[in-house]
PDB file of N, CA and C in Angstrom:
ATOM      1  N   MET A   1      88.056  78.038 101.976  1.00  0.00           N
ATOM      2  CA  MET A   1      88.481  78.822 103.076  1.00  0.00           C
ATOM      3  C   MET A   1      89.499  77.861 103.818  1.00  0.00           C
ATOM      4  N   GLN A   2      90.708  78.471 104.061  1.00  0.00           N
ATOM      5  CA  GLN A   2      91.585  77.840 105.125  1.00  0.00           C
ATOM      6  C   GLN A   2      91.195  77.991 106.592  1.00  0.00           C
ATOM      7  N   HIS A   3      90.960  76.781 107.001  1.00  0.00           N
ATOM      8  CA  HIS A   3      90.544  76.722 108.403  1.00  0.00           C
ATOM      9  C   HIS A   3      91.587  76.947 109.501  1.00  0.00           C
ATOM     10  N   VAL A   4      92.924  76.683 109.076  1.00  0.00           N
ATOM     11  CA  VAL A   4      93.842  76.700 110.216  1.00  0.00           C
ATOM     12  C   VAL A   4      95.136  77.392 109.381  1.00  0.00           C
ATOM     13  N   THR A   5      95.524  78.404 110.174  1.00  0.00           N
ATOM     14  CA  THR A   5      96.734  79.374 109.590  1.00  0.00           C
ATOM     15  C   THR A   5      97.889  79.099 110.771  1.00  0.00           C
ATOM     16  N   HIS A   6      99.283  78.733 110.177  1.00  0.00           N
ATOM     17  CA  HIS A   6     100.130  78.401 111.081  1.00  0.00           C
ATOM     18  C   HIS A   6     101.097  79.800 111.050  1.00  0.00           C
ATOM     19  N   THR A   7     100.944  80.480 112.072  1.00  0.00           N
ATOM     20  CA  THR A   7     101.633  81.737 111.865  1.00  0.00           C
ATOM     21  C   THR A   7     103.047  81.736 111.831  1.00  0.00           C
ATOM     22  N   PHE A   8     103.711  80.551 112.436  1.00  0.00           N
ATOM     23  CA  PHE A   8     105.177  80.325 112.408  1.00  0.00           C
ATOM     24  C   PHE A   8     105.639  79.995 110.929  1.00  0.00           C
ATOM     25  N   ASP A   9     104.718  79.656 110.015  1.00  0.00           N
ATOM     26  CA  ASP A   9     104.940  79.501 108.508  1.00  0.00           C
ATOM     27  C   ASP A   9     104.887  80.703 107.559  1.00  0.00           C
ATOM     28  N   THR A  10     104.411  81.859 108.437  1.00  0.00           N
ATOM     29  CA  THR A  10     104.106  83.084 107.559  1.00  0.00           C
ATOM     30  C   THR A  10     104.975  84.139 107.886  1.00  0.00           C
ATOM     31  N   PRO A  11     105.415  84.663 106.709  1.00  0.00           N
ATOM     32  CA  PRO A  11     106.578  85.530 106.803  1.00  0.00           C
ATOM     33  C   PRO A  11     106.126  86.838 107.481  1.00  0.00           C
ATOM     34  N   TRP A  12     107.130  87.460 108.271  1.00  0.00           N
ATOM     35  CA  TRP A  12     106.846  88.946 108.893  1.00  0.00           C
ATOM     36  C   TRP A  12     107.129  89.851 107.781  1.00  0.00           C
ATOM     37  N   ARG A  13     106.461  91.017 107.734  1.00  0.00           N
ATOM     38  CA  ARG A  13     106.650  92.102 106.874  1.00  0.00           C
ATOM     39  C   ARG A  13     107.056  93.357 107.660  1.00  0.00           C
ATOM     40  N   SER A  14     108.242  93.921 107.437  1.00  0.00           N
ATOM     41  CA  SER A  14     108.577  95.289 107.814  1.00  0.00           C
ATOM     42  C   SER A  14     107.674  96.377 107.355  1.00  0.00           C
ATOM     43  N   HIS A  15     106.976  97.142 108.150  1.00  0.00           N
ATOM     44  CA  HIS A  15     106.115  98.109 107.718  1.00  0.00           C
ATOM     45  C   HIS A  15     106.453  99.172 108.883  1.00  0.00           C
ATOM     46  N   GLN A  16     106.815 100.366 108.324  1.00  0.00           N
ATOM     47  CA  GLN A  16     106.999 101.595 109.085  1.00  0.00           C
ATOM     48  C   GLN A  16     106.212 102.656 108.864  1.00  0.00           C
ATOM     49  N   ILE A  17     105.395 103.318 109.515  1.00  0.00           N
ATOM     50  CA  ILE A  17     104.655 104.502 109.169  1.00  0.00           C
ATOM     51  C   ILE A  17     105.666 105.739 109.657  1.00  0.00           C
ATOM     52  N   GLU A  18     105.509 106.852 109.032  1.00  0.00           N
ATOM     53  CA  GLU A  18     106.342 108.032 109.384  1.00  0.00           C
ATOM     54  C   GLU A  18     106.501 108.127 110.713  1.00  0.00           C
ATOM     55  N   GLY A  19     107.851 108.173 111.392  1.00  0.00           N
ATOM     56  CA  GLY A  19     107.946 108.390 112.754  1.00  0.00           C
ATOM     57  C   GLY A  19     107.852 107.252 113.627  1.00  0.00           C
ATOM     58  N   SER A  20     107.800 106.096 113.043  1.00  0.00           N
ATOM     59  CA  SER A  20     107.795 104.772 113.917  1.00  0.00           C
ATOM     60  C   SER A  20     109.132 103.914 113.729  1.00  0.00           C
ATOM     61  N   ARG A  21     109.406 103.148 114.579  1.00  0.00           N
ATOM     62  CA  ARG A  21     110.750 102.180 114.516  1.00  0.00           C
ATOM     63  C   ARG A  21     110.484 100.929 115.010  1.00  0.00           C
ATOM     64  N   GLY A  22     110.877  99.787 114.326  1.00  0.00           N
ATOM     65  CA  GLY A  22     110.971  98.627 114.861  1.00  0.00           C
ATOM     66  C   GLY A  22     109.613  97.658 114.608  1.00  0.00           C
ATOM     67  N   TYR A  23     108.701  97.932 113.669  1.00  0.00           N
ATOM     68  CA  TYR A  23     107.515  97.233 113.628  1.00  0.00           C
ATOM     69  C   TYR A  23     107.631  96.105 112.599  1.00  0.00           C
ATOM     70  N   GLU A  24     107.087  95.100 112.835  1.00  0.00           N
ATOM     71  CA  GLU A  24     106.714  94.092 111.797  1.00  0.00           C
ATOM     72  C   GLU A  24     105.505  93.433 111.988  1.00  0.00           C
ATOM     73  N   PHE A  25     104.971  92.940 110.715  1.00  0.00           N
ATOM     74  CA  PHE A  25     103.532  92.549 110.935  1.00  0.00           C
ATOM     75  C   PHE A  25     103.371  91.262 110.153  1.00  0.00           C
ATOM     76  N   ILE A  26     102.318  90.456 110.549  1.00  0.00           N
ATOM     77  CA  ILE A  26     101.737  89.475 109.668  1.00  0.00           C
ATOM     78  C   ILE A  26     100.222  90.118 109.324  1.00  0.00           C
ATOM     79  N   PHE A  27     100.198  90.551 108.055  1.00  0.00           N
ATOM     80  CA  PHE A  27      98.803  91.255 107.770  1.00  0.00           C
ATOM     81  C   PHE A  27      97.635  90.410 107.589  1.00  0.00           C
ATOM     82  N   ASN A  28      96.599  90.747 107.919  1.00  0.00           N
ATOM     83  CA  ASN A  28      95.426  90.018 107.636  1.00  0.00           C
ATOM     84  C   ASN A  28      95.341  88.652 107.978  1.00  0.00           C
ATOM     85  N   ILE A  29      95.841  88.116 109.173  1.00  0.00           N
ATOM     86  CA  ILE A  29      95.874  86.821 109.570  1.00  0.00           C
ATOM     87  C   ILE A  29      94.327  86.217 109.603  1.00  0.00           C
ATOM     88  N   LEU A  30      93.526  87.084 109.832  1.00  0.00           N
ATOM     89  CA  LEU A  30      92.091  86.741 109.641  1.00  0.00           C
ATOM     90  C   LEU A  30      91.545  87.978 108.974  1.00  0.00           C
ATOM     91  N   GLY A  31      90.968  87.930 107.712  1.00  0.00           N
ATOM     92  CA  GLY A  31      90.752  89.136 106.942  1.00  0.00           C
ATOM     93  C   GLY A  31      89.332  88.955 106.336  1.00  0.00           C
ATOM     94  N   THR A  32      89.135  89.638 105.261  1.00  0.00           N
ATOM     95  CA  THR A  32      87.859  89.651 104.534  1.00  0.00           C
ATOM     96  C   THR A  32      87.402  88.502 103.895  1.00  0.00           C
ATOM     97  N   GLU A  33      88.363  87.439 103.766  1.00  0.00           N
ATOM     98  CA  GLU A  33      87.866  86.215 103.233  1.00  0.00           C
ATOM     99  C   GLU A  33      87.020  85.306 104.224  1.00  0.00           C
ATOM    100  N   TYR A  34      87.055  85.836 105.320  1.00  0.00           N
ATOM    101  CA  TYR A  34      86.336  85.073 106.424  1.00  0.00           C
ATOM    102  C   TYR A  34      85.042  86.173 106.922  1.00  0.00           C
ATOM    103  N   THR A  35      85.352  87.467 107.214  1.00  0.00           N
ATOM    104  CA  THR A  35      84.275  88.223 107.622  1.00  0.00           C
ATOM    105  C   THR A  35      84.616  89.494 107.137  1.00  0.00           C
ATOM    106  N   ASP A  36      83.474  90.424 106.988  1.00  0.00           N
ATOM    107  CA  ASP A  36      83.524  91.758 106.637  1.00  0.00           C
ATOM    108  C   ASP A  36      83.381  92.559 107.888  1.00  0.00           C
ATOM    109  N   ALA A  37      83.290  92.036 108.965  1.00  0.00           N
ATOM    110  CA  ALA A  37      83.067  92.734 110.346  1.00  0.00           C
ATOM    111  C   ALA A  37      84.304  93.443 110.813  1.00  0.00           C
ATOM    112  N   TYR A  38      85.506  92.638 110.648  1.00  0.00           N
ATOM    113  CA  TYR A  38      86.850  92.902 111.234  1.00  0.00           C
ATOM    114  C   TYR A  38      88.047  92.232 110.550  1.00  0.00           C
ATOM    115  N   ASN A  39      89.221  92.633 110.802  1.00  0.00           N
ATOM    116  CA  ASN A  39      90.352  91.713 110.491  1.00  0.00           C
ATOM    117  C   ASN A  39      91.245  91.895 111.553  1.00  0.00           C
ATOM    118  N   ILE A  40      92.152  90.994 111.445  1.00  0.00           N
ATOM    119  CA  ILE A  40      93.259  90.626 112.471  1.00  0.00           C
ATOM    120  C   ILE A  40      94.590  90.676 111.988  1.00  0.00           C
ATOM    121  N   ASP A  41      95.556  91.354 112.397  1.00  0.00           N
ATOM    122  CA  ASP A  41      96.926  91.539 112.107  1.00  0.00           C
ATOM    123  C   ASP A  41      97.732  90.765 113.304  1.00  0.00           C
ATOM    124  N   ILE A  42      98.967  90.461 113.262  1.00  0.00           N
ATOM    125  CA  ILE A  42      99.674  90.236 114.250  1.00  0.00           C
ATOM    126  C   ILE A  42     100.852  91.117 114.066  1.00  0.00           C
ATOM    127  N   ALA A  43     101.337  91.911 115.192  1.00  0.00           N
ATOM    128  CA  ALA A  43     102.375  92.819 115.022  1.00  0.00           C
ATOM    129  C   ALA A  43     103.582  92.428 116.157  1.00  0.00           C
ATOM    130  N   LYS A  44     104.742  92.749 115.864  1.00  0.00           N
ATOM    131  CA  LYS A  44     105.714  92.746 116.884  1.00  0.00           C
ATOM    132  C   LYS A  44     106.595  93.829 116.799  1.00  0.00           C
ATOM    133  N   VAL A  45     107.067  94.374 117.931  1.00  0.00           N
ATOM    134  CA  VAL A  45     107.651  95.587 118.051  1.00  0.00           C
ATOM    135  C   VAL A  45     108.965  95.360 118.764  1.00  0.00           C
ATOM    136  N   ALA A  46     110.069  95.730 118.089  1.00  0.00           N
ATOM    137  CA  ALA A  46     111.217  95.377 118.400  1.00  0.00           C
ATOM    138  C   ALA A  46     111.704  96.164 119.984  1.00  0.00           C
ATOM    139  N   PRO A  47     112.800  95.634 120.659  1.00  0.00           N
ATOM    140  CA  PRO A  47     113.031  96.596 121.966  1.00  0.00           C
ATOM    141  C   PRO A  47     113.335  98.007 121.504  1.00  0.00           C
ATOM    142  N   GLY A  48     112.929  98.899 122.159  1.00  0.00           N
ATOM    143  CA  GLY A  48     113.050 100.369 121.739  1.00  0.00           C
ATOM    144  C   GLY A  48     112.237 100.720 120.572  1.00  0.00           C
ATOM    145  N   GLY A  49     111.531  99.851 120.057  1.00  0.00           N
ATOM    146  CA  GLY A  49     110.460 100.298 118.980  1.00  0.00           C
ATOM    147  C   GLY A  49     109.205 101.272 119.479  1.00  0.00           C
ATOM    148  N   TYR A  50     108.697 101.929 118.690  1.00  0.00           N
ATOM    149  CA  TYR A  50     107.563 102.770 118.962  1.00  0.00           C
ATOM    150  C   TYR A  50     106.729 103.231 117.784  1.00  0.00           C
ATOM    151  N   SER A  51     105.597 103.700 117.997  1.00  0.00           N
ATOM    152  CA  SER A  51     105.076 104.426 116.962  1.00  0.00           C
ATOM    153  C   SER A  51     104.632 105.985 117.354  1.00  0.00           C
ATOM    154  N   PRO A  52     104.468 106.662 116.450  1.00  0.00           N
ATOM    155  CA  PRO A  52     104.324 108.243 116.983  1.00  0.00           C
ATOM    156  C   PRO A  52     102.708 108.373 117.560  1.00  0.00           C
ATOM    157  N   LEU A  53     102.520 109.444 118.051  1.00  0.00           N
ATOM    158  CA  LEU A  53     101.164 109.838 118.348  1.00  0.00           C
ATOM    159  C   LEU A  53     100.416 109.767 116.960  1.00  0.00           C
ATOM    160  N   HIS A  54      99.143 109.299 116.708  1.00  0.00           N
ATOM    161  CA  HIS A  54      98.432 109.253 115.546  1.00  0.00           C
ATOM    162  C   HIS A  54      97.009 108.705 115.685  1.00  0.00           C
ATOM    163  N   ILE A  55      96.211 109.267 114.776  1.00  0.00           N
ATOM    164  CA  ILE A  55      94.778 108.881 114.913  1.00  0.00           C
ATOM    165  C   ILE A  55      94.351 108.125 113.646  1.00  0.00           C
ATOM    166  N   ASP A  56      93.557 107.002 113.985  1.00  0.00           N
ATOM    167  CA  ASP A  56      93.052 106.146 112.977  1.00  0.00           C
ATOM    168  C   ASP A  56      91.681 106.297 112.821  1.00  0.00           C
ATOM    169  N   GLN A  57      91.086 106.048 111.722  1.00  0.00           N
ATOM    170  CA  GLN A  57      89.726 106.243 111.378  1.00  0.00           C
ATOM    171  C   GLN A  57      88.952 104.974 111.605  1.00  0.00           C
ATOM    172  N   ASP A  58      89.321 104.122 112.295  1.00  0.00           N
ATOM    173  CA  ASP A  58      88.627 102.676 112.710  1.00  0.00           C
ATOM    174  C   ASP A  58      88.792 102.390 114.164  1.00  0.00           C
ATOM    175  N   ASN A  59      87.954 101.729 114.882  1.00  0.00           N
ATOM    176  CA  ASN A  59      88.076 101.131 116.039  1.00  0.00           C
ATOM    177  C   ASN A  59      89.266 100.193 115.917  1.00  0.00           C
ATOM    178  N   HIS A  60      90.073 100.064 117.007  1.00  0.00           N
ATOM    179  CA  HIS A  60      90.916  98.774 116.886  1.00  0.00           C
ATOM    180  C   HIS A  60      91.160  98.505 118.418  1.00  0.00           C
ATOM    181  N   ALA A  61      91.540  97.114 118.660  1.00  0.00           N
ATOM    182  CA  ALA A  61      91.873  96.704 119.818  1.00  0.00           C
ATOM    183  C   ALA A  61      93.371  95.863 119.766  1.00  0.00           C
ATOM    184  N   PHE A  62      94.033  95.852 120.810  1.00  0.00           N
ATOM    185  CA  PHE A  62      95.090  95.206 120.936  1.00  0.00           C
ATOM    186  C   PHE A  62      95.071  94.043 122.092  1.00  0.00           C
ATOM    187  N   TYR A  63      95.443  92.799 121.631  1.00  0.00           N
ATOM    188  CA  TYR A  63      95.724  91.831 122.791  1.00  0.00           C
ATOM    189  C   TYR A  63      97.031  91.443 122.884  1.00  0.00           C
ATOM    190  N   ILE A  64      97.687  91.743 124.022  1.00  0.00           N
ATOM    191  CA  ILE A  64      99.256  91.733 124.046  1.00  0.00           C
ATOM    192  C   ILE A  64      99.559  90.201 124.323  1.00  0.00           C
ATOM    193  N   LEU A  65     100.286  89.713 123.519  1.00  0.00           N
ATOM    194  CA  LEU A  65     100.594  88.296 123.569  1.00  0.00           C
ATOM    195  C   LEU A  65     101.815  88.155 124.461  1.00  0.00           C
ATOM    196  N   ASP A  66     102.929  88.828 124.318  1.00  0.00           N
ATOM    197  CA  ASP A  66     104.196  88.635 124.920  1.00  0.00           C
ATOM    198  C   ASP A  66     104.793  90.082 124.999  1.00  0.00           C
ATOM    199  N   GLY A  67     105.553  90.200 126.055  1.00  0.00           N
ATOM    200  CA  GLY A  67     106.355  91.416 126.260  1.00  0.00           C
ATOM    201  C   GLY A  67     105.648  92.542 127.189  1.00  0.00           C
ATOM    202  N   GLU A  68     106.456  93.718 127.130  1.00  0.00           N
ATOM    203  CA  GLU A  68     105.859  94.795 128.027  1.00  0.00           C
ATOM    204  C   GLU A  68     105.836  95.936 127.095  1.00  0.00           C
ATOM    205  N   GLY A  69     104.876  96.828 127.342  1.00  0.00           N
ATOM    206  CA  GLY A  69     104.818  98.035 126.574  1.00  0.00           C
ATOM    207  C   GLY A  69     104.187  99.159 127.236  1.00  0.00           C
ATOM    208  N   GLU A  70     104.232 100.293 126.664  1.00  0.00           N
ATOM    209  CA  GLU A  70     103.433 101.543 127.179  1.00  0.00           C
ATOM    210  C   GLU A  70     102.515 101.952 125.965  1.00  0.00           C
ATOM    211  N   ILE A  71     101.354 102.278 126.313  1.00  0.00           N
ATOM    212  CA  ILE A  71     100.281 102.790 125.194  1.00  0.00           C
ATOM    213  C   ILE A  71      99.705 103.969 125.774  1.00  0.00           C
ATOM    214  N   ASP A  72      99.879 105.113 125.109  1.00  0.00           N
ATOM    215  CA  ASP A  72      99.206 106.395 125.148  1.00  0.00           C
ATOM    216  C   ASP A  72      97.988 106.425 124.509  1.00  0.00           C
ATOM    217  N   ILE A  73      96.870 106.680 125.445  1.00  0.00           N
ATOM    218  CA  ILE A  73      95.543 106.696 124.631  1.00  0.00           C
ATOM    219  C   ILE A  73      95.126 108.183 125.164  1.00  0.00           C
ATOM    220  N   ALA A  74      94.751 109.278 124.338  1.00  0.00           N
ATOM    221  CA  ALA A  74      94.423 110.570 124.622  1.00  0.00           C
ATOM    222  C   ALA A  74      95.553 111.102 125.496  1.00  0.00           C
ATOM    223  N   ASP A  75      95.231 111.422 126.637  1.00  0.00           N
ATOM    224  CA  ASP A  75      96.134 112.100 127.415  1.00  0.00           C
ATOM    225  C   ASP A  75      96.547 111.004 128.701  1.00  0.00           C
ATOM    226  N   LYS A  76      96.478 109.856 128.629  1.00  0.00           N
ATOM    227  CA  LYS A  76      96.875 108.965 129.524  1.00  0.00           C
ATOM    228  C   LYS A  76      97.774 107.790 129.091  1.00  0.00           C
ATOM    229  N   ARG A  77      98.765 107.375 129.836  1.00  0.00           N
ATOM    230  CA  ARG A  77      99.787 106.470 129.489  1.00  0.00           C
ATOM    231  C   ARG A  77      99.300 105.115 130.295  1.00  0.00           C
ATOM    232  N   TYR A  78      99.434 104.022 129.688  1.00  0.00           N
ATOM    233  CA  TYR A  78      98.942 102.701 130.223  1.00  0.00           C
ATOM    234  C   TYR A  78     100.248 101.737 130.017  1.00  0.00           C
ATOM    235  N   ALA A  79     100.603 101.197 131.323  1.00  0.00           N
ATOM    236  CA  ALA A  79     101.440  99.906 131.202  1.00  0.00           C
ATOM    237  C   ALA A  79     100.686  98.668 130.691  1.00  0.00           C
ATOM    238  N   VAL A  80     101.264  98.090 129.803  1.00  0.00           N
ATOM    239  CA  VAL A  80     100.651  96.752 129.199  1.00  0.00           C
ATOM    240  C   VAL A  80     101.559  95.627 129.333  1.00  0.00           C
ATOM    241  N   LYS A  81     101.172  94.296 129.393  1.00  0.00           N
ATOM    242  CA  LYS A  81     101.998  93.144 129.310  1.00  0.00           C
ATOM    243  C   LYS A  81     101.118  92.024 128.831  1.00  0.00           C
ATOM    244  N   ALA A  82     101.707  90.917 128.671  1.00  0.00           N
ATOM    245  CA  ALA A  82     100.969  89.785 128.166  1.00  0.00           C
ATOM    246  C   ALA A  82      99.462  89.405 128.864  1.00  0.00           C
ATOM    247  N   GLY A  83      98.541  89.371 127.960  1.00  0.00           N
ATOM    248  CA  GLY A  83      97.310  89.380 128.584  1.00  0.00           C
ATOM    249  C   GLY A  83      96.358  90.523 128.660  1.00  0.00           C
ATOM    250  N   SER A  84      97.098  91.698 128.561  1.00  0.00           N
ATOM    251  CA  SER A  84      96.382  92.877 128.388  1.00  0.00           C
ATOM    252  C   SER A  84      95.541  93.124 127.024  1.00  0.00           C
ATOM    253  N   VAL A  85      94.358  93.637 127.419  1.00  0.00           N
ATOM    254  CA  VAL A  85      93.484  94.215 126.228  1.00  0.00           C
ATOM    255  C   VAL A  85      93.387  95.548 126.097  1.00  0.00           C
ATOM    256  N   VAL A  86      93.636  96.151 124.868  1.00  0.00           N
ATOM    257  CA  VAL A  86      93.784  97.570 124.869  1.00  0.00           C
ATOM    258  C   VAL A  86      92.545  97.967 123.879  1.00  0.00           C
ATOM    259  N   ARG A  87      91.669  98.905 124.083  1.00  0.00           N
ATOM    260  CA  ARG A  87      90.658  99.359 123.281  1.00  0.00           C
ATOM    261  C   ARG A  87      91.061 100.841 122.886  1.00  0.00           C
ATOM    262  N   ILE A  88      90.886 101.163 121.631  1.00  0.00           N
ATOM    263  CA  ILE A  88      91.251 102.467 120.936  1.00  0.00           C
ATOM    264  C   ILE A  88      90.144 102.808 120.105  1.00  0.00           C
ATOM    265  N   PRO A  89      89.277 103.600 120.520  1.00  0.00           N
ATOM    266  CA  PRO A  89      88.001 104.138 119.764  1.00  0.00           C
ATOM    267  C   PRO A  89      88.656 104.992 118.545  1.00  0.00           C
ATOM    268  N   ARG A  90      87.933 104.987 117.326  1.00  0.00           N
ATOM    269  CA  ARG A  90      88.379 105.684 116.151  1.00  0.00           C
ATOM    270  C   ARG A  90      88.503 107.111 116.549  1.00  0.00           C
ATOM    271  N   GLY A  91      89.382 107.882 115.932  1.00  0.00           N
ATOM    272  CA  GLY A  91      89.532 109.213 116.083  1.00  0.00           C
ATOM    273  C   GLY A  91      90.023 109.533 117.344  1.00  0.00           C
ATOM    274  N   VAL A  92      90.698 108.853 118.159  1.00  0.00           N
ATOM    275  CA  VAL A  92      91.387 108.946 119.428  1.00  0.00           C
ATOM    276  C   VAL A  92      92.868 108.973 119.233  1.00  0.00           C
ATOM    277  N   VAL A  93      93.697 110.040 119.692  1.00  0.00           N
ATOM    278  CA  VAL A  93      95.040 109.879 119.384  1.00  0.00           C
ATOM    279  C   VAL A  93      95.748 108.845 120.285  1.00  0.00           C
ATOM    280  N   HIS A  94      96.742 108.174 119.899  1.00  0.00           N
ATOM    281  CA  HIS A  94      97.243 107.032 120.496  1.00  0.00           C
ATOM    282  C   HIS A  94      98.777 106.621 120.085  1.00  0.00           C
ATOM    283  N   ALA A  95      99.571 106.071 120.855  1.00  0.00           N
ATOM    284  CA  ALA A  95     100.885 105.716 120.433  1.00  0.00           C
ATOM    285  C   ALA A  95     101.241 104.458 121.315  1.00  0.00           C
ATOM    286  N   ILE A  96     102.225 103.612 120.773  1.00  0.00           N
ATOM    287  CA  ILE A  96     102.608 102.345 121.667  1.00  0.00           C
ATOM    288  C   ILE A  96     104.148 102.382 121.431  1.00  0.00           C
ATOM    289  N   ARG A  97     104.649 101.791 122.516  1.00  0.00           N
ATOM    290  CA  ARG A  97     106.217 101.736 122.534  1.00  0.00           C
ATOM    291  C   ARG A  97     106.511 100.425 123.332  1.00  0.00           C
ATOM    292  N   ASN A  98     107.581  99.746 122.923  1.00  0.00           N
ATOM    293  CA  ASN A  98     108.064  98.636 123.565  1.00  0.00           C
ATOM    294  C   ASN A  98     108.992  99.157 124.895  1.00  0.00           C
ATOM    295  N   ALA A  99     108.417  98.645 126.080  1.00  0.00           N
ATOM    296  CA  ALA A  99     108.998  98.946 127.213  1.00  0.00           C
ATOM    297  C   ALA A  99     110.090  98.055 127.759  1.00  0.00           C
ATOM    298  N   GLY A 100     110.102  96.946 127.242  1.00  0.00           N
ATOM    299  CA  GLY A 100     110.865  95.722 127.652  1.00  0.00           C
ATOM    300  C   GLY A 100     112.081  95.492 126.750  1.00  0.00           C
ATOM    301  N   ASP A 101     112.846  94.258 127.307  1.00  0.00           N
ATOM    302  CA  ASP A 101     114.152  93.932 126.682  1.00  0.00           C
ATOM    303  C   ASP A 101     113.919  92.905 125.420  1.00  0.00           C
ATOM    304  N   GLY A 102     112.661  92.473 125.453  1.00  0.00           N
ATOM    305  CA  GLY A 102     112.400  91.375 124.346  1.00  0.00           C
ATOM    306  C   GLY A 102     111.165  92.023 123.471  1.00  0.00           C
ATOM    307  N   TRP A 103     110.799  91.282 122.301  1.00  0.00           N
ATOM    308  CA  TRP A 103     109.936  91.743 121.513  1.00  0.00           C
ATOM    309  C   TRP A 103     108.585  91.735 122.209  1.00  0.00           C
ATOM    310  N   LEU A 104     107.770  93.074 121.761  1.00  0.00           N
ATOM    311  CA  LEU A 104     106.409  93.214 122.199  1.00  0.00           C
ATOM    312  C   LEU A 104     105.593  92.636 121.121  1.00  0.00           C
ATOM    313  N   MET A 105     104.790  91.501 121.404  1.00  0.00           N
ATOM    314  CA  MET A 105     104.042  91.014 120.451  1.00  0.00           C
ATOM    315  C   MET A 105     102.454  91.257 120.705  1.00  0.00           C
ATOM    316  N   LEU A 106     101.747  91.384 119.605  1.00  0.00           N
ATOM    317  CA  LEU A 106     100.343  91.728 119.907  1.00  0.00           C
ATOM    318  C   LEU A 106      99.590  91.344 118.603  1.00  0.00           C
ATOM    319  N   LEU A 107      98.131  91.068 118.910  1.00  0.00           N
ATOM    320  CA  LEU A 107      97.142  90.943 117.901  1.00  0.00           C
ATOM    321  C   LEU A 107      96.705  92.227 117.853  1.00  0.00           C
ATOM    322  N   SER A 108      96.348  92.663 116.498  1.00  0.00           N
ATOM    323  CA  SER A 108      95.476  93.831 116.342  1.00  0.00           C
ATOM    324  C   SER A 108      94.207  93.746 115.542  1.00  0.00           C
ATOM    325  N   ILE A 109      93.137  94.065 116.194  1.00  0.00           N
ATOM    326  CA  ILE A 109      91.975  93.861 115.711  1.00  0.00           C
ATOM    327  C   ILE A 109      91.300  94.997 115.015  1.00  0.00           C
ATOM    328  N   TYR A 110      90.904  95.016 113.844  1.00  0.00           N
ATOM    329  CA  TYR A 110      90.238  96.307 113.271  1.00  0.00           C
ATOM    330  C   TYR A 110      88.796  96.366 113.062  1.00  0.00           C
ATOM    331  N   ASP A 111      88.085  97.280 113.411  1.00  0.00           N
ATOM    332  CA  ASP A 111      86.679  97.447 112.956  1.00  0.00           C
ATOM    333  C   ASP A 111      86.291  98.776 112.449  1.00  0.00           C
ATOM    334  N   PRO A 112      86.022  98.866 111.216  1.00  0.00           N
ATOM    335  CA  PRO A 112      85.838  97.851 110.198  1.00  0.00           C
ATOM    336  C   PRO A 112      87.152  97.379 109.758  1.00  0.00           C
ATOM    337  N   PRO A 113      87.070  96.306 108.912  1.00  0.00           N
ATOM    338  CA  PRO A 113      88.394  95.685 108.417  1.00  0.00           C
ATOM    339  C   PRO A 113      89.190  96.803 107.832  1.00  0.00           C
ATOM    340  N   ARG A 114      90.481  96.716 108.068  1.00  0.00           N
ATOM    341  CA  ARG A 114      91.572  97.588 107.487  1.00  0.00           C
ATOM    342  C   ARG A 114      92.223  96.779 106.206  1.00  0.00           C
ATOM    343  N   ILE A 115      92.015  97.425 105.223  1.00  0.00           N
ATOM    344  CA  ILE A 115      92.432  96.770 104.044  1.00  0.00           C
ATOM    345  C   ILE A 115      93.746  97.451 103.668  1.00  0.00           C
ATOM    346  N   ARG A 116      95.038  96.669 103.779  1.00  0.00           N
ATOM    347  CA  ARG A 116      96.388  97.227 103.291  1.00  0.00           C
ATOM    348  C   ARG A 116      96.669  96.957 101.942  1.00  0.00           C
ATOM    349  N   GLN A 117      97.267  97.889 101.220  1.00  0.00           N
ATOM    350  CA  GLN A 117      97.770  97.493  99.903  1.00  0.00           C
ATOM    351  C   GLN A 117      99.153  97.024  99.842  1.00  0.00           C
ATOM    352  N   GLN A 118      99.461  95.859  99.433  1.00  0.00           N
ATOM    353  CA  GLN A 118     100.870  95.299  99.413  1.00  0.00           C
ATOM    354  C   GLN A 118     101.562  95.925  98.312  1.00  0.00           C
ATOM    355  N   LYS A 119     102.948  96.046  98.679  1.00  0.00           N
ATOM    356  CA  LYS A 119     103.811  96.559  97.624  1.00  0.00           C
ATOM    357  C   LYS A 119     103.910  95.463  96.514  1.00  0.00           C
ATOM    358  N   ILE A 120     104.333  95.575  95.389  1.00  0.00           N
ATOM    359  CA  ILE A 120     104.413  94.582  94.213  1.00  0.00           C
ATOM    360  C   ILE A 120     105.422  93.729  94.854  1.00  0.00           C
ATOM    361  N   ALA A 121     106.594  94.064  95.392  1.00  0.00           N
ATOM    362  CA  ALA A 121     107.598  93.144  95.880  1.00  0.00           C
ATOM    363  C   ALA A 121     107.010  92.210  96.896  1.00  0.00           C
ATOM    364  N   ASP A 122     106.211  92.727  97.832  1.00  0.00           N
ATOM    365  CA  ASP A 122     105.478  91.726  98.733  1.00  0.00           C
ATOM    366  C   ASP A 122     104.590  90.766  98.130  1.00  0.00           C
ATOM    367  N   ALA A 123     103.978  91.120  97.133  1.00  0.00           N
ATOM    368  CA  ALA A 123     102.826  90.184  96.563  1.00  0.00           C
ATOM    369  C   ALA A 123     103.479  88.962  96.039  1.00  0.00           C
ATOM    370  N   ALA A 124     104.801  88.913  95.571  1.00  0.00           N
ATOM    371  CA  ALA A 124     105.589  87.860  94.894  1.00  0.00           C
ATOM    372  C   ALA A 124     105.659  86.579  95.791  1.00  0.00           C
TER     373      ALA A 124
END
C-alpha cells in the first residue's frame, strides 16, 4: 500500500458529464485499495464552471479546499468557500458552480465508493 500520495505529482483528468463545464479530477486519491467504505476524489472547477442539476445514487460530501462556489441542494442554494463541508444524501437533486475568479477546489467523498471506469487512453 502507498502510504503517502503527493497530489502535485498526480495528473488532473478532464471529466465532463453532460451539461457540465470546467471540471477536472484526480480520481480515487483514496480508493478501494485502502477501504471499501468510501473513496475520495479531488476536483477543481474552472471560473464559470458548473454541473447541471443531477441525482447520484450514493451519499457524498464535499470539503471545499479553495475558492468560492454555490451549491444547490434540493430547493435551496448555499454559498460555500474554503473550509465549508457539504453533505449530499443519495437521491437528492444537486448542482455546483464556481462563483469566484479562481479555481474552486474540493475533496469529494463517496459512500459507498464510486468506481469510475477509465478510458483506455487514460490508463496508459
